[in-house]
Amino acid sequence: MPSTETVFQRTGENTMIVNMGPQHPSTHGVLRVICELEGETIVSCRCVIGYLHTGMEKEAEYQQYNKCVVMTDRMDYLNSNGNNLAHALAVEKLLACEIPKRAQYLRVILAELSRLSSHLVWLGTHALDMGAMTPLFYAFQQREYILDMFEMFSGVRMMPSWIVPGGLRGDMPEGFPERLHKFLDGFPKELEVLEGLLVENPIWKERTFDVGILSAQQSLELGCSGPIARASGVAWDVRKSNPYSSYEDFDFSIPVGKRGDVYDRFLVRIAEMRESCKILRQAIDGLPEGPVTTSDRKIVPPPRTELDNSMESLIHHFKLYTEGYHPPVGEAYVGIEGSKGELGFYIISDGSNRPYRWHERPSSYMNLKSLEVLAVGRMIADVIAIIGSIDIVLGEIDR
């Protein structure tokens, strides 16, 4: 690994290699971008990954299914609840497990709060990359309120592991609906403040408008998904095309852009935050009564109150945490709409208590490839704006 952030190497009479990263603060992680320049114009661009490789997919193959959940938290750590949900849905597909309606709605609430939190981190850091410090404070203030709600649920702020195969670890805590309603009442106004800082800001528009244009055809060919594809005019959202966890019960729109540039990707994510608020309000107002886990005691542990009085419950609890469960031989893939695009898990079961193969379809990894197309013909300073607009997390890329 180079010890400096930028290395220059002349390759010919007219071009020069600029080695950006892997310690550059605006690459949003340990990403190395090799740019070939002619003057300040990028002739070619190549992304080099692997500096953060953790081997989480292989590690998960040595863990019981119910103990793989903590691996998912640490991939895209800004969208932990979404990762938990995708893993849980894939395991539940193998188990042919039915999840109660209340648990499905609570999963949607956690997933949409994670989407808001992730988009707020993106917005604050994206603006900071280009010299705008004020939006960071506004965005992170709202994110703190969301993390407080995660802490109410699970006791932790970023990696809750609260969505598990079979349902949830527990019901929502007392006072959560009031806290969520208070947030939903105030957040749209705060979002308007952020828009006021950036939408018509001449410097912001100069740095983002018509920069890093990705056509709809290019987006499809590169396998992009999420806001980056929708900003290019591809009106595709897994929550609409393949509804999961009762998303078909909610009324929301798919924001779509026209130009597919950095500015459009900014506008699409802003609009998505408003749609998430609509979903959250519908979910908490229409939250059904009932259990939050499946009734199968071989998949989820019995309630703690039963362990002192029921030997059968104690046996189920002991067997579950020592042996786990054994899905039938088969394979399953479930994709969800994560904060950055389609996020899915492909799992192969050999009938044992741990996955034979466990693989993530990471949205950040798929979307990053577009940088090599978007950067060509632009100035070196535009690379910063383009990387920020793609919204990557290296923990998901180098999983």
Protein backbone atom coordinates (compact mmCIF):
# COMPACT_ATOMS: atom_id res chain seq x y z
CA MET A 1 0.00 0.00 0.00
CA PRO A 2 1.48 3.40 -0.95
CA SER A 3 2.47 5.52 2.01
CA THR A 4 1.29 8.78 0.41
CA GLU A 5 -2.10 9.82 -0.84
CA THR A 6 -1.05 10.98 -4.30
CA VAL A 7 1.68 9.47 -6.49
CA PHE A 8 2.62 10.93 -9.88
CA GLN A 9 4.00 8.86 -12.72
CA ARG A 10 4.59 10.05 -16.25
CA THR A 11 3.43 7.51 -18.85
CA GLY A 12 4.07 9.40 -22.04
CA GLU A 13 4.63 12.79 -23.57
CA ASN A 14 1.09 14.03 -22.94
CA THR A 15 -0.33 11.99 -20.04
CA MET A 16 0.44 11.47 -16.38
CA ILE A 17 -0.87 9.01 -13.80
CA VAL A 18 -2.33 10.43 -10.58
CA ASN A 19 -2.73 7.78 -7.92
CA MET A 20 -5.55 9.05 -5.69
CA GLY A 21 -5.84 7.17 -2.41
CA PRO A 22 -6.17 4.73 -0.80
CA GLN A 23 -5.90 7.15 2.14
CA HIS A 24 -7.59 10.10 0.46
CA PRO A 25 -10.38 11.45 2.73
CA SER A 26 -12.80 12.03 -0.15
CA THR A 27 -12.70 8.44 -1.42
CA HIS A 28 -15.00 7.53 1.49
CA GLY A 29 -12.83 4.67 2.62
CA VAL A 30 -9.69 2.88 1.53
CA LEU A 31 -10.34 3.15 -2.21
CA ARG A 32 -7.52 3.74 -4.69
CA VAL A 33 -8.39 5.53 -7.91
CA ILE A 34 -5.77 5.50 -10.67
CA CYS A 35 -6.41 8.41 -13.03
CA GLU A 36 -4.57 8.98 -16.29
CA LEU A 37 -4.53 12.71 -17.01
CA GLU A 38 -3.89 14.86 -20.00
CA GLY A 39 -3.43 18.22 -18.36
CA GLU A 40 -6.29 18.22 -15.83
CA THR A 41 -8.61 16.12 -18.00
CA ILE A 42 -9.08 12.46 -17.14
CA VAL A 43 -8.32 10.15 -20.06
CA SER A 44 -8.91 6.88 -18.17
CA CYS A 45 -9.80 5.90 -14.62
CA ARG A 46 -9.45 2.63 -12.73
CA CYS A 47 -10.67 1.69 -9.24
CA VAL A 48 -8.47 -0.56 -7.11
CA ILE A 49 -10.14 -2.23 -4.14
CA GLY A 50 -9.16 -4.88 -1.60
CA TYR A 51 -7.30 -2.83 1.01
CA LEU A 52 -10.03 -3.42 3.59
CA HIS A 53 -10.86 -7.06 2.78
CA THR A 54 -12.35 -8.77 5.82
CA GLY A 55 -13.54 -12.13 4.50
CA MET A 56 -16.93 -11.84 6.18
CA GLU A 57 -18.69 -14.04 3.62
CA LYS A 58 -16.30 -16.91 4.25
CA GLU A 59 -16.44 -16.35 8.01
CA ALA A 60 -20.25 -16.59 7.88
CA GLU A 61 -19.95 -20.05 6.35
CA TYR A 62 -18.43 -21.21 9.64
CA GLN A 63 -21.23 -19.72 11.75
CA GLN A 64 -24.75 -20.88 12.48
CA TYR A 65 -27.45 -19.10 10.47
CA ASN A 66 -28.68 -17.18 13.50
CA LYS A 67 -25.12 -16.04 14.26
CA CYS A 68 -24.43 -14.67 10.77
CA VAL A 69 -26.58 -11.63 11.51
CA VAL A 70 -23.73 -9.66 13.09
CA MET A 71 -21.69 -10.06 9.88
CA THR A 72 -24.35 -8.21 7.92
CA ASP A 73 -24.27 -5.20 10.27
CA ARG A 74 -20.64 -4.56 9.47
CA MET A 75 -20.85 -4.62 5.69
CA ASP A 76 -22.77 -1.47 4.84
CA TYR A 77 -22.64 -0.20 8.40
CA LEU A 78 -24.78 2.83 7.48
CA ASN A 79 -27.65 0.53 6.50
CA SER A 80 -27.35 -2.21 9.12
CA ASN A 81 -31.09 -2.82 9.49
CA GLY A 82 -31.43 -3.23 5.74
CA ASN A 83 -28.60 -5.77 5.70
CA ASN A 84 -30.19 -7.65 8.61
CA LEU A 85 -33.48 -7.73 6.74
CA ALA A 86 -32.02 -9.09 3.49
CA HIS A 87 -30.21 -11.88 5.34
CA ALA A 88 -33.29 -12.74 7.41
CA LEU A 89 -35.53 -12.91 4.33
CA ALA A 90 -33.11 -15.25 2.53
CA VAL A 91 -32.89 -17.61 5.53
CA GLU A 92 -36.67 -17.48 5.98
CA LYS A 93 -37.10 -18.42 2.32
CA LEU A 94 -34.99 -21.52 2.95
CA LEU A 95 -37.01 -22.33 6.07
CA ALA A 96 -40.39 -21.53 4.44
CA CYS A 97 -41.04 -19.43 7.53
CA GLU A 98 -44.06 -17.13 7.90
CA ILE A 99 -43.49 -13.81 9.66
CA PRO A 100 -46.33 -12.08 11.55
CA LYS A 101 -47.69 -8.85 10.09
CA ARG A 102 -46.62 -6.75 13.06
CA ALA A 103 -43.03 -7.91 12.66
CA GLN A 104 -43.13 -7.07 8.95
CA TYR A 105 -44.29 -3.52 9.65
CA LEU A 106 -41.66 -3.02 12.36
CA ARG A 107 -39.02 -4.29 9.94
CA VAL A 108 -40.16 -1.69 7.40
CA ILE A 109 -39.90 1.04 10.05
CA LEU A 110 -36.33 0.05 10.95
CA ALA A 111 -35.32 -0.31 7.29
CA GLU A 112 -36.73 3.09 6.31
CA LEU A 113 -35.12 4.80 9.30
CA SER A 114 -31.83 3.25 8.18
CA ARG A 115 -32.41 4.60 4.66
CA LEU A 116 -32.94 8.09 6.08
CA SER A 117 -29.87 7.80 8.29
CA SER A 118 -27.71 6.59 5.39
CA HIS A 119 -28.92 9.35 3.07
CA LEU A 120 -28.23 11.95 5.75
CA VAL A 121 -24.63 10.74 6.13
CA TRP A 122 -24.29 10.82 2.35
CA LEU A 123 -25.68 14.35 2.10
CA GLY A 124 -23.50 15.77 4.87
CA THR A 125 -20.26 14.16 3.69
CA HIS A 126 -20.99 14.79 -0.01
CA ALA A 127 -21.39 18.50 0.70
CA LEU A 128 -18.31 18.52 2.93
CA ASP A 129 -16.24 16.95 0.14
CA MET A 130 -16.93 20.03 -1.96
CA GLY A 131 -16.28 22.58 0.76
CA ALA A 132 -19.78 23.09 2.21
CA MET A 133 -19.48 22.48 5.94
CA THR A 134 -22.86 23.76 7.21
CA PRO A 135 -25.05 20.97 5.67
CA LEU A 136 -23.00 18.39 7.59
CA PHE A 137 -24.17 19.79 10.94
CA TYR A 138 -27.84 19.92 9.91
CA ALA A 139 -27.75 16.41 8.41
CA PHE A 140 -25.95 14.81 11.36
CA GLN A 141 -28.27 16.50 13.86
CA GLN A 142 -31.23 14.71 12.23
CA ARG A 143 -29.26 11.48 12.04
CA GLU A 144 -28.68 11.65 15.80
CA TYR A 145 -32.44 11.55 16.38
CA ILE A 146 -32.64 8.38 14.27
CA LEU A 147 -29.75 6.74 16.10
CA ASP A 148 -31.48 7.57 19.38
CA MET A 149 -34.49 5.58 18.15
CA PHE A 150 -32.27 2.63 17.22
CA GLU A 151 -30.84 2.82 20.72
CA MET A 152 -34.37 2.70 22.15
CA PHE A 153 -34.97 -0.54 20.27
CA SER A 154 -31.72 -2.41 20.73
CA GLY A 155 -29.43 -0.57 23.12
CA VAL A 156 -26.92 0.23 20.35
CA ARG A 157 -26.87 2.99 17.77
CA MET A 158 -25.31 1.65 14.58
CA MET A 159 -25.27 -2.15 14.47
CA PRO A 160 -28.45 -3.31 16.19
CA SER A 161 -28.85 -6.87 14.81
CA TRP A 162 -32.51 -6.49 15.80
CA ILE A 163 -33.97 -8.04 12.63
CA VAL A 164 -33.23 -11.76 12.75
CA PRO A 165 -34.46 -14.87 10.92
CA GLY A 166 -37.89 -15.59 12.35
CA GLY A 167 -38.85 -12.00 13.14
CA LEU A 168 -37.39 -9.49 15.59
CA ARG A 169 -35.47 -9.85 18.82
CA GLY A 170 -38.25 -7.98 20.59
CA ASP A 171 -41.20 -5.63 20.17
CA MET A 172 -40.83 -1.87 19.95
CA PRO A 173 -40.18 -0.20 23.31
CA GLU A 174 -42.62 1.95 25.21
CA GLY A 175 -42.60 5.53 23.97
CA PHE A 176 -41.24 4.67 20.52
CA PRO A 177 -44.37 5.69 18.52
CA GLU A 178 -44.37 9.12 20.17
CA ARG A 179 -40.65 9.57 19.47
CA LEU A 180 -41.11 8.55 15.82
CA HIS A 181 -44.11 10.85 15.33
CA LYS A 182 -42.16 13.77 16.80
CA PHE A 183 -39.31 13.09 14.39
CA LEU A 184 -41.65 12.80 11.39
CA ASP A 185 -43.34 16.08 12.32
CA GLY A 186 -40.06 17.99 12.37
CA PHE A 187 -37.89 16.29 9.74
CA PRO A 188 -39.56 17.66 6.55
CA LYS A 189 -38.92 21.24 7.72
CA GLU A 190 -35.27 20.44 8.42
CA LEU A 191 -34.99 18.86 4.98
CA GLU A 192 -36.28 22.12 3.49
CA VAL A 193 -33.47 23.96 5.31
CA LEU A 194 -30.91 21.62 3.73
CA GLU A 195 -32.49 22.13 0.32
CA GLY A 196 -32.36 25.88 0.82
CA LEU A 197 -28.62 25.65 1.42
CA LEU A 198 -27.87 23.64 -1.73
CA VAL A 199 -30.60 23.32 -4.40
CA GLU A 200 -30.16 26.80 -5.92
CA ASN A 201 -26.67 27.43 -4.57
CA PRO A 202 -24.64 28.60 -7.60
CA ILE A 203 -21.40 27.02 -6.40
CA TRP A 204 -23.13 23.70 -5.68
CA LYS A 205 -24.80 23.69 -9.10
CA GLU A 206 -21.56 24.55 -10.85
CA ARG A 207 -19.86 21.58 -9.20
CA THR A 208 -22.71 19.10 -9.83
CA PHE A 209 -24.86 20.15 -12.82
CA ASP A 210 -24.03 18.18 -15.99
CA VAL A 211 -21.13 16.53 -14.16
CA GLY A 212 -20.75 12.73 -14.23
CA ILE A 213 -23.65 11.99 -16.58
CA LEU A 214 -24.77 8.35 -16.66
CA SER A 215 -27.37 7.37 -19.25
CA ALA A 216 -30.14 4.88 -18.55
CA GLN A 217 -28.54 2.41 -20.97
CA GLN A 218 -25.14 2.71 -19.31
CA SER A 219 -26.76 2.27 -15.91
CA LEU A 220 -28.40 -0.99 -16.97
CA GLU A 221 -25.27 -2.31 -18.70
CA LEU A 222 -23.15 -1.64 -15.60
CA GLY A 223 -25.66 -3.29 -13.25
CA CYS A 224 -26.29 -0.10 -11.27
CA SER A 225 -29.31 0.16 -9.03
CA GLY A 226 -30.81 2.44 -6.42
CA PRO A 227 -30.68 6.26 -6.58
CA ILE A 228 -27.86 6.29 -9.14
CA ALA A 229 -29.98 4.27 -11.62
CA ARG A 230 -33.19 6.16 -10.86
CA ALA A 231 -31.41 9.49 -11.40
CA SER A 232 -30.63 8.21 -14.91
CA GLY A 233 -34.32 7.62 -15.61
CA VAL A 234 -34.56 3.93 -14.65
CA ALA A 235 -37.75 3.78 -12.59
CA TRP A 236 -36.90 0.56 -10.77
CA ASP A 237 -37.27 -0.02 -7.05
CA VAL A 238 -37.31 -3.51 -5.51
CA ARG A 239 -39.93 -2.35 -2.99
CA LYS A 240 -42.30 -1.85 -5.95
CA SER A 241 -41.15 -4.53 -8.42
CA ASN A 242 -40.77 -7.36 -5.88
CA PRO A 243 -42.49 -6.25 -2.67
CA TYR A 244 -41.28 -7.80 0.57
CA SER A 245 -42.19 -7.36 4.23
CA SER A 246 -45.60 -5.85 3.34
CA TYR A 247 -44.26 -2.95 1.23
CA GLU A 248 -47.24 -3.57 -1.03
CA ASP A 249 -49.42 -2.12 1.76
CA PHE A 250 -47.83 1.33 1.54
CA ASP A 251 -48.43 4.21 -0.84
CA PHE A 252 -45.20 5.84 -2.04
CA SER A 253 -43.60 7.04 -5.27
CA ILE A 254 -40.33 6.30 -7.05
CA PRO A 255 -38.39 9.56 -7.64
CA VAL A 256 -36.77 9.55 -11.08
CA GLY A 257 -34.26 11.96 -12.63
CA LYS A 258 -33.73 13.10 -16.22
CA ARG A 259 -30.07 13.96 -16.81
CA GLY A 260 -28.37 11.31 -14.68
CA ASP A 261 -25.74 13.76 -13.41
CA VAL A 262 -24.40 14.44 -9.91
CA TYR A 263 -27.10 17.07 -9.35
CA ASP A 264 -29.90 14.67 -10.29
CA ARG A 265 -28.56 12.02 -7.94
CA PHE A 266 -28.66 14.64 -5.20
CA LEU A 267 -32.28 15.57 -5.98
CA VAL A 268 -33.40 11.93 -6.18
CA ARG A 269 -32.04 11.12 -2.73
CA ILE A 270 -33.68 14.21 -1.25
CA ALA A 271 -37.00 13.10 -2.77
CA GLU A 272 -36.46 9.56 -1.48
CA MET A 273 -36.15 10.86 2.06
CA ARG A 274 -39.60 12.43 1.73
CA GLU A 275 -41.02 9.13 0.43
CA SER A 276 -39.44 7.27 3.36
CA CYS A 277 -41.23 9.64 5.73
CA LYS A 278 -44.53 8.79 4.02
CA ILE A 279 -43.87 5.07 4.45
CA LEU A 280 -42.86 5.49 8.10
CA ARG A 281 -46.01 7.42 8.95
CA GLN A 282 -48.23 4.81 7.27
CA ALA A 283 -46.39 1.96 8.99
CA ILE A 284 -46.54 3.36 12.53
CA ASP A 285 -50.15 4.55 12.17
CA GLY A 286 -51.30 1.22 10.73
CA LEU A 287 -49.14 -1.02 12.91
CA PRO A 288 -51.04 -4.30 13.50
CA GLU A 289 -51.30 -6.03 16.85
CA GLY A 290 -49.83 -9.46 17.45
CA PRO A 291 -46.50 -11.25 17.92
CA VAL A 292 -43.20 -10.12 16.41
CA THR A 293 -41.74 -13.61 15.85
CA THR A 294 -42.81 -16.81 14.18
CA SER A 295 -44.48 -19.38 16.40
CA ASP A 296 -41.92 -22.07 15.52
CA ARG A 297 -39.82 -22.58 18.68
CA LYS A 298 -37.14 -24.35 16.63
CA ILE A 299 -36.38 -21.05 14.87
CA VAL A 300 -36.81 -18.39 17.57
CA PRO A 301 -36.22 -18.77 21.33
CA PRO A 302 -39.16 -18.98 23.74
CA PRO A 303 -40.03 -15.91 25.81
CA ARG A 304 -37.79 -15.45 28.82
CA THR A 305 -40.79 -15.69 31.14
CA GLU A 306 -41.37 -19.32 30.12
CA LEU A 307 -37.88 -20.62 30.89
CA ASP A 308 -38.41 -20.80 34.66
CA ASN A 309 -41.60 -22.83 34.35
CA SER A 310 -41.33 -24.98 31.22
CA MET A 311 -38.71 -27.68 30.66
CA GLU A 312 -39.73 -27.92 27.00
CA SER A 313 -39.09 -24.19 26.52
CA LEU A 314 -35.71 -24.52 28.21
CA ILE A 315 -34.77 -27.38 25.87
CA HIS A 316 -35.79 -25.39 22.79
CA HIS A 317 -33.76 -22.42 24.05
CA PHE A 318 -30.69 -24.58 24.71
CA LYS A 319 -30.89 -26.41 21.37
CA LEU A 320 -31.37 -23.20 19.42
CA TYR A 321 -28.32 -21.45 20.82
CA THR A 322 -26.03 -24.50 20.79
CA GLU A 323 -27.06 -26.14 17.52
CA GLY A 324 -29.10 -23.55 15.65
CA TYR A 325 -31.54 -24.78 13.05
CA HIS A 326 -31.17 -26.96 9.95
CA PRO A 327 -32.83 -25.57 6.80
CA PRO A 328 -33.58 -28.19 4.14
CA VAL A 329 -31.11 -28.67 1.29
CA GLY A 330 -31.60 -25.93 -1.28
CA GLU A 331 -30.70 -22.38 -2.25
CA ALA A 332 -32.35 -19.00 -1.89
CA TYR A 333 -31.79 -15.42 -2.99
CA VAL A 334 -33.76 -12.44 -1.74
CA GLY A 335 -33.04 -8.89 -2.80
CA ILE A 336 -34.29 -5.75 -1.10
CA GLU A 337 -34.06 -2.04 -1.88
CA GLY A 338 -31.19 -0.93 0.33
CA SER A 339 -30.20 2.69 0.78
CA LYS A 340 -27.72 2.42 -2.11
CA GLY A 341 -29.57 0.02 -4.41
CA GLU A 342 -30.42 -3.65 -4.68
CA LEU A 343 -28.95 -5.52 -1.73
CA GLY A 344 -29.42 -9.26 -1.55
CA PHE A 345 -28.11 -12.47 -0.05
CA TYR A 346 -27.64 -15.75 -1.89
CA ILE A 347 -27.47 -18.72 0.46
CA ILE A 348 -26.94 -22.41 -0.27
CA SER A 349 -28.00 -24.91 2.38
CA ASP A 350 -26.55 -28.41 2.59
CA GLY A 351 -28.92 -29.35 5.39
CA SER A 352 -26.48 -28.51 8.19
CA ASN A 353 -26.79 -25.76 10.78
CA ARG A 354 -24.53 -23.37 8.87
CA PRO A 355 -24.63 -22.10 5.27
CA TYR A 356 -22.64 -24.02 2.67
CA ARG A 357 -22.31 -20.77 0.70
CA TRP A 358 -23.24 -17.27 1.86
CA HIS A 359 -22.82 -14.42 -0.58
CA GLU A 360 -23.98 -10.81 -0.65
CA ARG A 361 -25.07 -8.90 -3.75
CA PRO A 362 -23.58 -5.56 -2.65
CA SER A 363 -25.01 -2.39 -4.17
CA SER A 364 -21.91 -0.27 -3.43
CA TYR A 365 -19.68 -2.77 -5.23
CA MET A 366 -21.91 -2.84 -8.33
CA ASN A 367 -22.36 0.94 -8.45
CA LEU A 368 -18.66 1.76 -8.00
CA LYS A 369 -17.86 0.45 -11.49
CA SER A 370 -19.69 3.46 -12.92
CA LEU A 371 -16.90 5.76 -11.67
CA GLU A 372 -14.60 4.43 -14.40
CA VAL A 373 -17.13 5.65 -16.99
CA LEU A 374 -18.31 8.84 -15.32
CA ALA A 375 -14.85 10.29 -14.67
CA VAL A 376 -13.54 10.11 -18.26
CA GLY A 377 -13.45 13.53 -19.88
CA ARG A 378 -13.91 15.38 -16.61
CA MET A 379 -11.43 17.37 -14.53
CA ILE A 380 -9.63 15.77 -11.61
CA ALA A 381 -11.66 17.88 -9.16
CA ASP A 382 -14.86 16.35 -10.56
CA VAL A 383 -13.82 12.90 -9.35
CA ILE A 384 -14.56 14.03 -5.79
CA ALA A 385 -18.09 15.10 -6.71
CA ILE A 386 -18.73 11.92 -8.70
CA ILE A 387 -17.54 9.53 -5.98
CA GLY A 388 -19.71 11.32 -3.44
CA SER A 389 -22.75 11.10 -5.72
CA ILE A 390 -22.36 7.32 -6.11
CA ASP A 391 -22.53 6.91 -2.30
CA ILE A 392 -20.30 3.94 -1.54
CA VAL A 393 -19.32 2.20 1.68
CA LEU A 394 -16.06 0.27 1.42
CA GLY A 395 -17.12 -2.15 4.16
CA GLU A 396 -19.64 -3.52 1.66
CA ILE A 397 -17.22 -3.47 -1.28
CA ASP A 398 -14.30 -5.19 0.51
CA ARG A 399 -16.52 -7.47 2.56
